[in-house]
């Protein structure tokens, strides 16, 4: 399930880009429906990932790993 983790960031960004590109071309209820669908899809994905992960999921972008087991912070 860890391969779905970047979708939590990408899905809202893609939805926002879609609305920015097509928002004025479609009626307002369609644009609001699309925004609600993207928000609901993101929420469902977050709950799905949260319930199906026993240790907390982490994504080390670009193959970076923590040095000596310590991450930043």
C-alpha atoms as a PDB file:
ATOM      1  CA  UNK A   1       0.000   0.000   0.000  1.00  0.00           C
ATOM      2  CA  UNK A   2       2.990   2.334   0.360  1.00  0.00           C
ATOM      3  CA  UNK A   3       2.987   2.922  -3.414  1.00  0.00           C
ATOM      4  CA  UNK A   4      -0.340   4.808  -3.041  1.00  0.00           C
ATOM      5  CA  UNK A   5       1.091   7.314  -0.567  1.00  0.00           C
ATOM      6  CA  UNK A   6       2.195   9.928  -3.159  1.00  0.00           C
ATOM      7  CA  UNK A   7      -1.386  10.008  -4.470  1.00  0.00           C
ATOM      8  CA  UNK A   8      -2.405  11.845  -1.297  1.00  0.00           C
ATOM      9  CA  UNK A   9      -0.421  14.790  -2.631  1.00  0.00           C
ATOM     10  CA  UNK A  10      -0.883  14.299  -6.364  1.00  0.00           C
ATOM     11  CA  UNK A  11      -4.667  13.802  -6.421  1.00  0.00           C
ATOM     12  CA  UNK A  12      -5.610  17.230  -4.990  1.00  0.00           C
ATOM     13  CA  UNK A  13      -2.971  18.924  -7.161  1.00  0.00           C
ATOM     14  CA  UNK A  14      -4.342  17.276 -10.294  1.00  0.00           C
ATOM     15  CA  UNK A  15      -7.881  18.206  -9.294  1.00  0.00           C
ATOM     16  CA  UNK A  16      -6.861  21.821  -8.777  1.00  0.00           C
ATOM     17  CA  UNK A  17      -5.095  21.909 -12.140  1.00  0.00           C
ATOM     18  CA  UNK A  18      -8.168  20.443 -13.821  1.00  0.00           C
ATOM     19  CA  UNK A  19     -10.423  23.032 -12.227  1.00  0.00           C
ATOM     20  CA  UNK A  20      -8.045  25.859 -13.118  1.00  0.00           C
ATOM     21  CA  UNK A  21      -7.949  24.718 -16.737  1.00  0.00           C
ATOM     22  CA  UNK A  22     -11.636  23.914 -17.219  1.00  0.00           C
ATOM     23  CA  UNK A  23     -13.385  25.808 -14.442  1.00  0.00           C
ATOM     24  CA  UNK A  24     -14.769  28.576 -16.628  1.00  0.00           C
ATOM     25  CA  UNK A  25     -15.783  26.248 -19.450  1.00  0.00           C
ATOM     26  CA  UNK A  26     -18.180  24.094 -17.425  1.00  0.00           C
ATOM     27  CA  UNK A  27     -21.217  25.127 -15.386  1.00  0.00           C
ATOM     28  CA  UNK A  28     -20.577  25.947 -11.747  1.00  0.00           C
ATOM     29  CA  UNK A  29     -22.416  22.877 -10.345  1.00  0.00           C
ATOM     30  CA  UNK A  30     -20.209  20.614 -12.474  1.00  0.00           C
ATOM     31  CA  UNK A  31     -17.040  22.330 -11.258  1.00  0.00           C
ATOM     32  CA  UNK A  32     -18.177  22.119  -7.636  1.00  0.00           C
ATOM     33  CA  UNK A  33     -19.145  18.475  -8.111  1.00  0.00           C
ATOM     34  CA  UNK A  34     -15.710  17.700  -9.512  1.00  0.00           C
ATOM     35  CA  UNK A  35     -14.052  19.476  -6.575  1.00  0.00           C
ATOM     36  CA  UNK A  36     -16.186  17.520  -4.102  1.00  0.00           C
ATOM     37  CA  UNK A  37     -15.382  14.259  -5.903  1.00  0.00           C
ATOM     38  CA  UNK A  38     -11.643  14.938  -5.714  1.00  0.00           C
ATOM     39  CA  UNK A  39     -11.920  15.878  -2.034  1.00  0.00           C
ATOM     40  CA  UNK A  40     -13.953  12.752  -1.270  1.00  0.00           C
ATOM     41  CA  UNK A  41     -11.515  10.573  -3.200  1.00  0.00           C
ATOM     42  CA  UNK A  42      -8.602  12.034  -1.277  1.00  0.00           C
ATOM     43  CA  UNK A  43     -10.379  11.474   2.039  1.00  0.00           C
ATOM     44  CA  UNK A  44     -11.227   7.867   1.146  1.00  0.00           C
ATOM     45  CA  UNK A  45      -7.637   7.215   0.104  1.00  0.00           C
ATOM     46  CA  UNK A  46      -6.328   8.722   3.351  1.00  0.00           C
ATOM     47  CA  UNK A  47      -8.660   6.580   5.465  1.00  0.00           C
ATOM     48  CA  UNK A  48      -7.791   3.491   3.430  1.00  0.00           C
ATOM     49  CA  UNK A  49      -4.069   4.048   3.876  1.00  0.00           C
ATOM     50  CA  UNK A  50      -4.495   4.847   7.564  1.00  0.00           C
ATOM     51  CA  UNK A  51      -6.494   1.716   8.339  1.00  0.00           C
ATOM     52  CA  UNK A  52      -4.325  -0.677   6.336  1.00  0.00           C
ATOM     53  CA  UNK A  53      -0.933   0.335   7.702  1.00  0.00           C
ATOM     54  CA  UNK A  54       0.271  -1.122  10.967  1.00  0.00           C
ATOM     55  CA  UNK A  55       3.410   1.038  11.287  1.00  0.00           C
ATOM     56  CA  UNK A  56       2.960   4.633  10.111  1.00  0.00           C
ATOM     57  CA  UNK A  57       3.677   4.995   6.399  1.00  0.00           C
ATOM     58  CA  UNK A  58       6.630   7.127   5.377  1.00  0.00           C
ATOM     59  CA  UNK A  59       7.898   7.966   1.920  1.00  0.00           C
ATOM     60  CA  UNK A  60      11.549   8.841   1.421  1.00  0.00           C
ATOM     61  CA  UNK A  61      11.380  10.819  -1.810  1.00  0.00           C
ATOM     62  CA  UNK A  62      14.196  10.351  -4.284  1.00  0.00           C
ATOM     63  CA  UNK A  63      15.622   7.356  -2.459  1.00  0.00           C
ATOM     64  CA  UNK A  64      16.897   9.473   0.441  1.00  0.00           C
ATOM     65  CA  UNK A  65      17.205   7.519   3.673  1.00  0.00           C
ATOM     66  CA  UNK A  66      17.678   8.879   7.198  1.00  0.00           C
ATOM     67  CA  UNK A  67      21.296   8.974   8.336  1.00  0.00           C
ATOM     68  CA  UNK A  68      21.944   6.723  11.348  1.00  0.00           C
ATOM     69  CA  UNK A  69      18.210   6.169  11.725  1.00  0.00           C
ATOM     70  CA  UNK A  70      17.460   9.844  12.438  1.00  0.00           C
ATOM     71  CA  UNK A  71      15.350  11.932  10.119  1.00  0.00           C
ATOM     72  CA  UNK A  72      15.278  15.721  10.126  1.00  0.00           C
ATOM     73  CA  UNK A  73      13.479  17.130  13.141  1.00  0.00           C
END
